[in-house]
Amino acid sequence: MRILVVHAHPVAASFNASLFRLTVERLAANGHRVDAIDLYQEGFDPVMSETERLSYHDLETNRKPVESHVDRLLAAEALVLVYPVWNYGFPAILKGWFDRVFLPGVSFGLVDGKVRPTLHNIGRLLVVTSYGGSRFRSWLMGDPPRKIANRMLRATVRPGAPVTYLAHYDMNLSTEQTRQSFMSRVERALDKF
């Protein structure tokens, strides 16, 4: 399977970066074709320009500024996102990636003014993430990243595609044991791809 893995954390020595490396290595070891994007290392610009916004609905030109990312997304059969949750949301670089790459004609079409999801090449979605705070505190805030994965992204990819959301909560209180336990959980999920 062709799997696009997108990572969003600026620190190469972070636990999240370890999760990214584990994900890429495990998927490759299991025989998958892995296309890995490290948004920070690549220097991806998350800011949509005025020109991009003005041509957002122009399918002839809207993907040109991020064409390589669009091509990689459209070539994938599965999508894996590895990122931390900051302030109950995505890192800005990942949010910008969604804004600039999940375009009309890429992840959705407009038919009679209604949105129609079109990213049906993605037959599986996995999120691997970490939160500084507790699951309860995230729940109180509505846990937007979990909802986006389980609602918006699920609705965008192939109908019926499995969506798995793996989160290590309480990173501020984590131990070597809790981190290793989570990594084992991630390995088991990757082995099911």
Protein backbone atom coordinates (compact mmCIF):
# COMPACT_ATOMS: atom_id res chain seq x y z
CA MET A 1 0.00 0.00 0.00
CA ARG A 2 1.18 3.55 -0.75
CA ILE A 3 1.07 5.48 2.52
CA LEU A 4 1.59 9.21 2.96
CA VAL A 5 2.91 10.04 6.44
CA VAL A 6 2.75 13.74 7.39
CA HIS A 7 4.64 14.93 10.46
CA ALA A 8 4.39 18.31 12.20
CA HIS A 9 6.79 18.93 15.09
CA PRO A 10 9.78 21.30 15.04
CA VAL A 11 12.05 19.39 17.45
CA ALA A 12 13.94 16.40 16.03
CA ALA A 13 14.65 15.04 19.54
CA SER A 14 10.98 15.17 20.64
CA PHE A 15 8.80 12.20 21.56
CA ASN A 16 6.59 13.14 18.63
CA ALA A 17 9.56 12.93 16.24
CA SER A 18 10.27 9.48 17.68
CA LEU A 19 6.69 8.51 16.85
CA PHE A 20 7.21 9.77 13.30
CA ARG A 21 10.41 7.75 12.84
CA LEU A 22 8.78 4.67 14.35
CA THR A 23 5.80 5.05 12.02
CA VAL A 24 7.88 5.41 8.85
CA GLU A 25 10.25 2.57 9.78
CA ARG A 26 7.50 0.15 10.86
CA LEU A 27 5.36 0.73 7.78
CA ALA A 28 8.38 0.28 5.49
CA ALA A 29 9.43 -2.87 7.35
CA ASN A 30 5.92 -4.23 6.80
CA GLY A 31 6.36 -3.83 3.04
CA HIS A 32 4.44 -0.60 2.42
CA ARG A 33 5.63 2.16 0.09
CA VAL A 34 6.02 5.11 2.44
CA ASP A 35 6.12 8.73 1.37
CA ALA A 36 7.15 10.75 4.43
CA ILE A 37 6.71 14.51 4.73
CA ASP A 38 8.28 16.34 7.68
CA LEU A 39 6.63 19.74 7.32
CA TYR A 40 9.05 21.60 9.61
CA GLN A 41 12.19 20.04 8.18
CA GLU A 42 10.94 20.79 4.69
CA GLY A 43 10.14 24.38 5.62
CA PHE A 44 6.56 24.10 4.39
CA ASP A 45 4.91 27.53 4.28
CA PRO A 46 1.51 27.23 5.99
CA VAL A 47 0.37 30.70 4.99
CA MET A 48 -2.15 30.92 2.17
CA SER A 49 -1.32 33.93 0.05
CA GLU A 50 -3.84 36.42 -1.31
CA THR A 51 -3.24 35.05 -4.80
CA GLU A 52 -3.93 31.51 -3.61
CA ARG A 53 -7.16 32.54 -1.92
CA LEU A 54 -8.34 34.44 -4.99
CA SER A 55 -7.71 31.36 -7.17
CA TYR A 56 -9.01 28.89 -4.55
CA HIS A 57 -12.01 27.83 -6.66
CA ASP A 58 -10.13 27.92 -9.96
CA LEU A 59 -9.34 24.23 -10.49
CA GLU A 60 -6.90 25.08 -13.29
CA THR A 61 -4.58 27.04 -10.99
CA ASN A 62 -5.43 26.41 -7.32
CA ARG A 63 -3.01 23.53 -6.78
CA LYS A 64 0.03 25.02 -8.54
CA PRO A 65 1.65 26.55 -5.39
CA VAL A 66 1.47 23.18 -3.58
CA GLU A 67 1.39 20.83 -6.55
CA SER A 68 3.97 18.38 -5.21
CA HIS A 69 1.99 17.96 -1.97
CA VAL A 70 -1.28 17.54 -3.88
CA ASP A 71 0.32 14.92 -6.14
CA ARG A 72 1.65 13.01 -3.14
CA LEU A 73 -1.75 13.11 -1.41
CA LEU A 74 -3.56 11.94 -4.53
CA ALA A 75 -1.06 9.11 -5.06
CA ALA A 76 -1.56 7.77 -1.53
CA GLU A 77 -3.85 4.90 -0.57
CA ALA A 78 -3.62 5.70 3.14
CA LEU A 79 -2.84 8.79 5.20
CA VAL A 80 -1.03 8.85 8.54
CA LEU A 81 -0.74 12.10 10.51
CA VAL A 82 1.81 12.40 13.31
CA TYR A 83 1.66 15.62 15.32
CA PRO A 84 1.26 17.08 18.81
CA VAL A 85 -1.91 18.81 19.96
CA TRP A 86 -1.13 22.36 21.03
CA ASN A 87 -3.74 24.65 22.57
CA TYR A 88 -6.41 22.08 21.72
CA GLY A 89 -5.57 22.23 18.04
CA PHE A 90 -3.13 21.37 15.28
CA PRO A 91 0.29 22.97 15.05
CA ALA A 92 -0.13 25.94 12.69
CA ILE A 93 2.04 24.30 10.05
CA LEU A 94 -0.29 21.30 9.84
CA LYS A 95 -3.41 23.48 9.80
CA GLY A 96 -1.83 25.45 6.97
CA TRP A 97 -1.05 22.20 5.12
CA PHE A 98 -4.74 21.27 5.28
CA ASP A 99 -5.76 24.79 4.19
CA ARG A 100 -3.38 24.85 1.23
CA VAL A 101 -3.52 21.18 0.09
CA PHE A 102 -7.11 20.05 0.81
CA LEU A 103 -8.41 22.18 -2.05
CA PRO A 104 -11.47 22.15 -4.28
CA GLY A 105 -10.79 19.51 -6.90
CA VAL A 106 -8.46 17.68 -4.51
CA SER A 107 -10.33 16.73 -1.34
CA PHE A 108 -13.76 17.99 -2.34
CA GLY A 109 -15.81 19.26 -5.22
CA LEU A 110 -18.62 21.77 -5.31
CA VAL A 111 -21.75 20.46 -7.01
CA ASP A 112 -24.65 22.88 -7.14
CA GLY A 113 -23.08 24.79 -4.25
CA LYS A 114 -22.78 21.68 -2.08
CA VAL A 115 -19.53 20.11 -0.91
CA ARG A 116 -18.89 16.59 -2.21
CA PRO A 117 -15.87 14.77 -0.72
CA THR A 118 -13.52 13.41 -3.38
CA LEU A 119 -10.41 12.09 -1.58
CA HIS A 120 -11.56 8.52 -2.18
CA ASN A 121 -8.07 7.26 -2.98
CA ILE A 122 -7.46 7.31 0.80
CA GLY A 123 -8.78 4.00 2.10
CA ARG A 124 -7.39 4.27 5.60
CA LEU A 125 -6.56 7.08 8.02
CA LEU A 126 -4.41 6.91 11.14
CA VAL A 127 -3.67 9.75 13.54
CA VAL A 128 -0.79 9.43 16.03
CA THR A 129 -0.71 12.34 18.42
CA SER A 130 0.18 13.55 21.89
CA TYR A 131 -1.46 16.02 24.26
CA GLY A 132 0.18 17.91 27.10
CA GLY A 133 -3.00 17.75 29.18
CA SER A 134 -5.33 15.00 30.30
CA ARG A 135 -8.03 13.28 28.26
CA PHE A 136 -10.63 14.77 30.62
CA ARG A 137 -9.41 18.33 30.06
CA SER A 138 -9.40 17.74 26.31
CA TRP A 139 -12.91 16.32 26.52
CA LEU A 140 -14.07 19.44 28.40
CA MET A 141 -12.73 21.58 25.55
CA GLY A 142 -14.46 19.40 22.95
CA ASP A 143 -11.21 17.78 21.71
CA PRO A 144 -11.27 19.52 18.29
CA PRO A 145 -8.42 17.48 16.69
CA ARG A 146 -10.17 14.19 17.52
CA LYS A 147 -13.46 15.52 16.12
CA ILE A 148 -11.77 16.74 12.94
CA ALA A 149 -10.22 13.32 12.36
CA ASN A 150 -13.34 11.35 13.18
CA ARG A 151 -15.79 13.66 11.42
CA MET A 152 -14.29 15.96 8.80
CA LEU A 153 -11.41 13.78 7.61
CA ARG A 154 -13.55 10.63 7.80
CA ALA A 155 -16.12 12.35 5.57
CA THR A 156 -13.41 13.42 3.10
CA VAL A 157 -11.78 10.04 2.46
CA ARG A 158 -13.27 6.91 0.88
CA PRO A 159 -16.67 6.12 2.40
CA GLY A 160 -16.32 3.42 5.06
CA ALA A 161 -12.54 3.81 5.33
CA PRO A 162 -11.31 2.95 8.83
CA VAL A 163 -10.13 5.89 10.91
CA THR A 164 -7.93 5.22 13.94
CA TYR A 165 -7.06 7.96 16.43
CA LEU A 166 -4.23 7.15 18.84
CA ALA A 167 -3.43 9.75 21.48
CA HIS A 168 -0.97 9.86 24.34
CA TYR A 169 -2.56 12.21 26.86
CA ASP A 170 -0.83 13.83 29.85
CA MET A 171 2.55 14.26 28.18
CA ASN A 172 3.35 16.81 30.91
CA LEU A 173 3.22 13.92 33.40
CA SER A 174 4.47 11.14 31.12
CA THR A 175 7.10 8.63 32.10
CA GLU A 176 9.36 6.35 30.12
CA GLN A 177 6.87 3.59 30.85
CA THR A 178 3.81 5.51 29.57
CA ARG A 179 5.67 6.62 26.45
CA GLN A 180 6.90 3.09 25.72
CA SER A 181 3.41 1.70 26.28
CA PHE A 182 2.01 4.18 23.78
CA MET A 183 4.72 3.37 21.24
CA SER A 184 3.80 -0.32 21.55
CA ARG A 185 0.17 0.60 20.91
CA VAL A 186 1.23 2.53 17.79
CA GLU A 187 3.31 -0.44 16.58
CA ARG A 188 0.31 -2.75 16.91
CA ALA A 189 -1.85 -0.35 14.91
CA LEU A 190 0.80 -0.03 12.20
CA ASP A 191 1.12 -3.81 11.96
CA LYS A 192 -2.60 -3.96 11.07
CA PHE A 193 -2.13 -1.83 7.95
